[in-house]
C-alpha atoms as a PDB file:
ATOM      1  CA  UNK A   1      -9.527  22.418  34.697  1.00  0.00           C
ATOM      2  CA  UNK A   2      -7.831  24.570  32.072  1.00  0.00           C
ATOM      3  CA  UNK A   3      -9.069  24.561  28.421  1.00  0.00           C
ATOM      4  CA  UNK A   4      -6.833  22.290  26.100  1.00  0.00           C
ATOM      5  CA  UNK A   5      -4.974  24.622  23.622  1.00  0.00           C
ATOM      6  CA  UNK A   6      -6.242  24.611  20.142  1.00  0.00           C
ATOM      7  CA  UNK A   7      -4.083  22.919  17.699  1.00  0.00           C
ATOM      8  CA  UNK A   8      -2.475  24.448  14.879  1.00  0.00           C
ATOM      9  CA  UNK A   9      -3.463  23.247  11.319  1.00  0.00           C
ATOM     10  CA  UNK A  10      -1.248  22.371   8.349  1.00  0.00           C
ATOM     11  CA  UNK A  11      -3.351  21.641   5.182  1.00  0.00           C
ATOM     12  CA  UNK A  12      -1.973  19.702   2.199  1.00  0.00           C
ATOM     13  CA  UNK A  13      -1.677  20.301  -0.690  1.00  0.00           C
ATOM     14  CA  UNK A  14      -0.582  23.703   0.377  1.00  0.00           C
ATOM     15  CA  UNK A  15      -1.246  25.397  -2.952  1.00  0.00           C
ATOM     16  CA  UNK A  16      -5.005  24.659  -2.755  1.00  0.00           C
ATOM     17  CA  UNK A  17      -6.320  27.933  -1.235  1.00  0.00           C
ATOM     18  CA  UNK A  18     -10.019  26.826  -1.511  1.00  0.00           C
ATOM     19  CA  UNK A  19      -9.341  23.650   0.484  1.00  0.00           C
ATOM     20  CA  UNK A  20      -7.320  25.691   3.107  1.00  0.00           C
ATOM     21  CA  UNK A  21     -10.269  28.135   3.347  1.00  0.00           C
ATOM     22  CA  UNK A  22     -12.712  25.239   3.745  1.00  0.00           C
ATOM     23  CA  UNK A  23     -10.565  23.678   6.524  1.00  0.00           C
ATOM     24  CA  UNK A  24     -10.331  27.047   8.481  1.00  0.00           C
ATOM     25  CA  UNK A  25     -14.175  27.467   8.226  1.00  0.00           C
ATOM     26  CA  UNK A  26     -14.786  23.830   9.174  1.00  0.00           C
ATOM     27  CA  UNK A  27     -12.387  24.022  12.147  1.00  0.00           C
ATOM     28  CA  UNK A  28     -14.015  27.207  13.427  1.00  0.00           C
ATOM     29  CA  UNK A  29     -17.452  25.368  13.252  1.00  0.00           C
ATOM     30  CA  UNK A  30     -16.077  22.312  15.063  1.00  0.00           C
ATOM     31  CA  UNK A  31     -14.419  24.528  17.740  1.00  0.00           C
ATOM     32  CA  UNK A  32     -17.667  26.323  18.408  1.00  0.00           C
ATOM     33  CA  UNK A  33     -19.573  23.027  18.458  1.00  0.00           C
ATOM     34  CA  UNK A  34     -17.154  21.487  20.968  1.00  0.00           C
ATOM     35  CA  UNK A  35     -17.085  24.686  23.081  1.00  0.00           C
ATOM     36  CA  UNK A  36     -20.927  24.603  23.286  1.00  0.00           C
ATOM     37  CA  UNK A  37     -20.824  21.026  24.970  1.00  0.00           C
ATOM     38  CA  UNK A  38     -19.775  20.438  28.555  1.00  0.00           C
ATOM     39  CA  UNK A  39     -16.666  18.181  29.044  1.00  0.00           C
ATOM     40  CA  UNK A  40     -16.171  17.948  25.239  1.00  0.00           C
ATOM     41  CA  UNK A  41     -12.600  17.529  23.931  1.00  0.00           C
ATOM     42  CA  UNK A  42     -11.565  18.699  20.521  1.00  0.00           C
ATOM     43  CA  UNK A  43     -10.544  15.539  18.567  1.00  0.00           C
ATOM     44  CA  UNK A  44      -9.069  15.396  14.890  1.00  0.00           C
ATOM     45  CA  UNK A  45     -11.875  12.843  14.089  1.00  0.00           C
ATOM     46  CA  UNK A  46     -14.540  15.614  14.424  1.00  0.00           C
ATOM     47  CA  UNK A  47     -12.753  17.938  11.895  1.00  0.00           C
ATOM     48  CA  UNK A  48     -12.344  14.888   9.564  1.00  0.00           C
ATOM     49  CA  UNK A  49     -16.092  14.181   9.603  1.00  0.00           C
ATOM     50  CA  UNK A  50     -16.940  17.799   8.956  1.00  0.00           C
ATOM     51  CA  UNK A  51     -14.407  17.823   6.071  1.00  0.00           C
ATOM     52  CA  UNK A  52     -15.720  14.811   4.465  1.00  0.00           C
ATOM     53  CA  UNK A  53     -18.945  16.589   3.807  1.00  0.00           C
ATOM     54  CA  UNK A  54     -17.216  18.197   0.862  1.00  0.00           C
ATOM     55  CA  UNK A  55     -13.990  16.259   0.557  1.00  0.00           C
ATOM     56  CA  UNK A  56     -14.980  12.649   1.106  1.00  0.00           C
ATOM     57  CA  UNK A  57     -11.412  11.265   1.268  1.00  0.00           C
ATOM     58  CA  UNK A  58     -10.104  14.000   3.707  1.00  0.00           C
ATOM     59  CA  UNK A  59      -7.858  12.803   6.578  1.00  0.00           C
ATOM     60  CA  UNK A  60      -6.726  14.755   9.703  1.00  0.00           C
ATOM     61  CA  UNK A  61      -3.871  13.441  11.671  1.00  0.00           C
ATOM     62  CA  UNK A  62      -2.096  14.794  14.728  1.00  0.00           C
ATOM     63  CA  UNK A  63       1.641  15.141  14.365  1.00  0.00           C
ATOM     64  CA  UNK A  64       3.504  12.100  15.737  1.00  0.00           C
ATOM     65  CA  UNK A  65       5.145  12.683  19.226  1.00  0.00           C
ATOM     66  CA  UNK A  66       8.563  11.651  17.767  1.00  0.00           C
ATOM     67  CA  UNK A  67       8.086  14.563  15.130  1.00  0.00           C
ATOM     68  CA  UNK A  68       7.276  17.169  17.789  1.00  0.00           C
ATOM     69  CA  UNK A  69      10.189  19.760  17.977  1.00  0.00           C
ATOM     70  CA  UNK A  70       9.332  20.566  21.418  1.00  0.00           C
ATOM     71  CA  UNK A  71       7.734  23.893  21.043  1.00  0.00           C
ATOM     72  CA  UNK A  72       4.587  22.804  22.922  1.00  0.00           C
ATOM     73  CA  UNK A  73       2.170  23.452  20.059  1.00  0.00           C
ATOM     74  CA  UNK A  74      -0.125  20.712  19.024  1.00  0.00           C
ATOM     75  CA  UNK A  75      -0.248  20.321  15.186  1.00  0.00           C
ATOM     76  CA  UNK A  76      -2.700  18.589  13.091  1.00  0.00           C
ATOM     77  CA  UNK A  77      -1.952  17.567   9.504  1.00  0.00           C
ATOM     78  CA  UNK A  78      -5.108  17.776   7.095  1.00  0.00           C
ATOM     79  CA  UNK A  79      -4.879  16.068   3.715  1.00  0.00           C
ATOM     80  CA  UNK A  80      -7.516  16.642   0.905  1.00  0.00           C
ATOM     81  CA  UNK A  81      -6.852  13.473  -0.673  1.00  0.00           C
ATOM     82  CA  UNK A  82      -9.172  14.531  -3.523  1.00  0.00           C
ATOM     83  CA  UNK A  83     -12.921  14.642  -3.854  1.00  0.00           C
ATOM     84  CA  UNK A  84     -14.999  11.869  -5.425  1.00  0.00           C
ATOM     85  CA  UNK A  85     -18.580  12.748  -6.808  1.00  0.00           C
ATOM     86  CA  UNK A  86     -20.972  10.289  -5.704  1.00  0.00           C
ATOM     87  CA  UNK A  87     -22.104   7.790  -8.420  1.00  0.00           C
ATOM     88  CA  UNK A  88     -19.477   8.940 -10.756  1.00  0.00           C
ATOM     89  CA  UNK A  89     -16.682   6.241 -11.342  1.00  0.00           C
ATOM     90  CA  UNK A  90     -15.092   7.518 -14.486  1.00  0.00           C
ATOM     91  CA  UNK A  91     -11.986   5.195 -13.799  1.00  0.00           C
ATOM     92  CA  UNK A  92     -14.105   2.035 -14.529  1.00  0.00           C
ATOM     93  CA  UNK A  93     -14.700   3.466 -18.097  1.00  0.00           C
ATOM     94  CA  UNK A  94     -12.438   2.184 -20.916  1.00  0.00           C
ATOM     95  CA  UNK A  95     -10.010   4.192 -22.769  1.00  0.00           C
ATOM     96  CA  UNK A  96      -8.085   5.951 -19.819  1.00  0.00           C
ATOM     97  CA  UNK A  97      -4.404   6.023 -19.323  1.00  0.00           C
ATOM     98  CA  UNK A  98      -3.165   3.549 -16.700  1.00  0.00           C
ATOM     99  CA  UNK A  99      -0.186   2.352 -14.722  1.00  0.00           C
ATOM    100  CA  UNK A 100       0.673  -0.510 -12.509  1.00  0.00           C
ATOM    101  CA  UNK A 101       2.602   0.261  -9.329  1.00  0.00           C
ATOM    102  CA  UNK A 102       4.441  -1.931  -6.807  1.00  0.00           C
ATOM    103  CA  UNK A 103       4.209  -1.652  -3.077  1.00  0.00           C
ATOM    104  CA  UNK A 104       7.008   1.034  -3.081  1.00  0.00           C
ATOM    105  CA  UNK A 105       5.067   3.351  -5.542  1.00  0.00           C
ATOM    106  CA  UNK A 106       7.220   2.409  -8.517  1.00  0.00           C
ATOM    107  CA  UNK A 107       5.953   2.106 -12.014  1.00  0.00           C
ATOM    108  CA  UNK A 108       5.982  -1.611 -13.203  1.00  0.00           C
ATOM    109  CA  UNK A 109       4.074  -1.118 -16.281  1.00  0.00           C
ATOM    110  CA  UNK A 110       2.454   1.953 -18.131  1.00  0.00           C
ATOM    111  CA  UNK A 111       0.175   2.596 -21.042  1.00  0.00           C
ATOM    112  CA  UNK A 112       1.398   4.493 -23.968  1.00  0.00           C
ATOM    113  CA  UNK A 113      -1.276   7.106 -23.268  1.00  0.00           C
ATOM    114  CA  UNK A 114       0.262   7.788 -19.820  1.00  0.00           C
ATOM    115  CA  UNK A 115       3.787   8.227 -21.474  1.00  0.00           C
ATOM    116  CA  UNK A 116       2.117  10.872 -23.715  1.00  0.00           C
ATOM    117  CA  UNK A 117       0.552  12.684 -20.705  1.00  0.00           C
ATOM    118  CA  UNK A 118       3.887  12.665 -18.603  1.00  0.00           C
ATOM    119  CA  UNK A 119       5.938  13.306 -21.594  1.00  0.00           C
ATOM    120  CA  UNK A 120       8.555  10.468 -20.698  1.00  0.00           C
ATOM    121  CA  UNK A 121       9.148   7.299 -22.603  1.00  0.00           C
ATOM    122  CA  UNK A 122       8.219   3.964 -20.986  1.00  0.00           C
ATOM    123  CA  UNK A 123      11.909   3.075 -20.225  1.00  0.00           C
ATOM    124  CA  UNK A 124      12.415   6.101 -18.147  1.00  0.00           C
ATOM    125  CA  UNK A 125       9.053   5.583 -16.251  1.00  0.00           C
ATOM    126  CA  UNK A 126       9.567   2.023 -15.306  1.00  0.00           C
ATOM    127  CA  UNK A 127      11.229   1.752 -11.707  1.00  0.00           C
ATOM    128  CA  UNK A 128      10.469   5.290 -11.079  1.00  0.00           C
ATOM    129  CA  UNK A 129       8.493   6.455  -7.993  1.00  0.00           C
ATOM    130  CA  UNK A 130       5.211   8.371  -8.566  1.00  0.00           C
ATOM    131  CA  UNK A 131       6.453  11.372  -6.376  1.00  0.00           C
ATOM    132  CA  UNK A 132       9.144  12.036  -8.975  1.00  0.00           C
ATOM    133  CA  UNK A 133       6.305  13.658 -10.930  1.00  0.00           C
ATOM    134  CA  UNK A 134       4.949  15.941  -8.276  1.00  0.00           C
ATOM    135  CA  UNK A 135       5.300  19.773  -8.568  1.00  0.00           C
ATOM    136  CA  UNK A 136       8.798  20.734  -7.806  1.00  0.00           C
ATOM    137  CA  UNK A 137       7.787  23.997  -6.399  1.00  0.00           C
ATOM    138  CA  UNK A 138       5.868  22.160  -3.657  1.00  0.00           C
ATOM    139  CA  UNK A 139       8.379  21.035  -1.061  1.00  0.00           C
ATOM    140  CA  UNK A 140       5.794  19.009   0.875  1.00  0.00           C
ATOM    141  CA  UNK A 141       4.905  16.991  -2.106  1.00  0.00           C
ATOM    142  CA  UNK A 142       6.993  13.886  -1.392  1.00  0.00           C
ATOM    143  CA  UNK A 143       5.573  13.892   2.222  1.00  0.00           C
ATOM    144  CA  UNK A 144       2.036  14.298   0.878  1.00  0.00           C
ATOM    145  CA  UNK A 145       2.546  11.309  -1.488  1.00  0.00           C
ATOM    146  CA  UNK A 146       3.964   9.079   1.301  1.00  0.00           C
ATOM    147  CA  UNK A 147       0.826   9.960   3.439  1.00  0.00           C
ATOM    148  CA  UNK A 148      -1.534   9.227   0.589  1.00  0.00           C
ATOM    149  CA  UNK A 149       0.173   5.855  -0.031  1.00  0.00           C
ATOM    150  CA  UNK A 150      -0.115   4.800   3.514  1.00  0.00           C
ATOM    151  CA  UNK A 151      -3.910   5.848   3.582  1.00  0.00           C
ATOM    152  CA  UNK A 152      -4.304   3.906   0.287  1.00  0.00           C
ATOM    153  CA  UNK A 153      -2.821   0.621   1.597  1.00  0.00           C
ATOM    154  CA  UNK A 154      -5.006   1.016   4.671  1.00  0.00           C
ATOM    155  CA  UNK A 155      -8.212   1.720   2.715  1.00  0.00           C
ATOM    156  CA  UNK A 156      -7.607  -0.357  -0.497  1.00  0.00           C
ATOM    157  CA  UNK A 157      -8.270   2.519  -2.804  1.00  0.00           C
ATOM    158  CA  UNK A 158      -7.097   6.027  -3.272  1.00  0.00           C
ATOM    159  CA  UNK A 159      -8.573   9.000  -5.492  1.00  0.00           C
ATOM    160  CA  UNK A 160      -6.727  12.138  -5.697  1.00  0.00           C
ATOM    161  CA  UNK A 161      -5.011  14.675  -7.994  1.00  0.00           C
ATOM    162  CA  UNK A 162      -1.335  15.488  -8.790  1.00  0.00           C
ATOM    163  CA  UNK A 163       0.176  18.607 -10.416  1.00  0.00           C
ATOM    164  CA  UNK A 164       3.346  18.588 -12.227  1.00  0.00           C
ATOM    165  CA  UNK A 165       5.091  20.619 -14.993  1.00  0.00           C
ATOM    166  CA  UNK A 166       5.225  19.885 -18.671  1.00  0.00           C
ATOM    167  CA  UNK A 167       8.558  19.938 -20.514  1.00  0.00           C
ATOM    168  CA  UNK A 168       7.790  23.540 -21.752  1.00  0.00           C
ATOM    169  CA  UNK A 169       7.249  24.543 -18.041  1.00  0.00           C
ATOM    170  CA  UNK A 170       3.417  24.911 -18.086  1.00  0.00           C
ATOM    171  CA  UNK A 171       1.383  23.231 -15.339  1.00  0.00           C
ATOM    172  CA  UNK A 172      -0.606  20.089 -15.839  1.00  0.00           C
ATOM    173  CA  UNK A 173      -2.991  18.323 -13.520  1.00  0.00           C
ATOM    174  CA  UNK A 174      -4.175  14.805 -13.496  1.00  0.00           C
ATOM    175  CA  UNK A 175      -6.799  12.957 -11.546  1.00  0.00           C
ATOM    176  CA  UNK A 176      -6.190   9.284 -10.579  1.00  0.00           C
ATOM    177  CA  UNK A 177      -7.699   6.416  -9.099  1.00  0.00           C
ATOM    178  CA  UNK A 178      -5.603   3.492  -7.636  1.00  0.00           C
ATOM    179  CA  UNK A 179      -7.062   0.065  -6.666  1.00  0.00           C
ATOM    180  CA  UNK A 180      -5.001  -2.122  -4.249  1.00  0.00           C
ATOM    181  CA  UNK A 181      -3.927  -5.276  -6.084  1.00  0.00           C
ATOM    182  CA  UNK A 182      -6.079  -4.370  -9.063  1.00  0.00           C
ATOM    183  CA  UNK A 183      -3.399  -5.945 -11.255  1.00  0.00           C
ATOM    184  CA  UNK A 184      -2.535  -9.009  -9.140  1.00  0.00           C
ATOM    185  CA  UNK A 185      -0.806  -9.526  -5.815  1.00  0.00           C
ATOM    186  CA  UNK A 186       1.493  -6.525  -4.855  1.00  0.00           C
ATOM    187  CA  UNK A 187       0.488  -4.863  -8.334  1.00  0.00           C
ATOM    188  CA  UNK A 188      -1.773  -1.792  -7.898  1.00  0.00           C
ATOM    189  CA  UNK A 189      -3.887  -0.406 -10.738  1.00  0.00           C
ATOM    190  CA  UNK A 190      -3.719   3.364 -11.146  1.00  0.00           C
ATOM    191  CA  UNK A 191      -6.095   4.884 -13.804  1.00  0.00           C
ATOM    192  CA  UNK A 192      -5.300   8.448 -14.914  1.00  0.00           C
ATOM    193  CA  UNK A 193      -7.113  11.250 -16.761  1.00  0.00           C
ATOM    194  CA  UNK A 194      -5.962  14.861 -17.267  1.00  0.00           C
ATOM    195  CA  UNK A 195      -7.909  17.712 -15.816  1.00  0.00           C
ATOM    196  CA  UNK A 196      -8.518  20.536 -18.238  1.00  0.00           C
ATOM    197  CA  UNK A 197      -7.765  23.852 -16.594  1.00  0.00           C
ATOM    198  CA  UNK A 198      -9.706  26.674 -17.398  1.00  0.00           C
END
């Protein structure tokens, strides 16, 4: 029986070179492990397990059949979804910026400290979707956000990071944690802090 072709990988966020290197190394290790076993089939779940050793919220998903352009290549999407350090739950500490989101990822309510971070007044934020604040240079950002949100609705919480630009053009990165219905039915609580970049 001919060997199954290896899938191509597409890692998100695309600008995270360290994550992409780790994905490539983990994939090589998984392939070697699978090839050492008889009748073993390379599955996305095996790569996901390996990635979660360093990125606990990583997800690996094969491209849907409907999205296949028919080139014959199998493609797996690999999402980082942030990394949570065991035992550290900073989002439970008081004083962080916060927002309440509806089921469509739109801002329903925001704290004053969040308006300061994103440099936009409350009236502008309300009703806006979170992907509007992703890095405009990253064309895959809206797709990444939608995939993150689907995973969040399935798991009940989400921990990740988001990069965007300040009004002066410099980059800013925030870390956030969202709890499903943390502010009531259909209202999801996002707690946010800014990541200092060295």
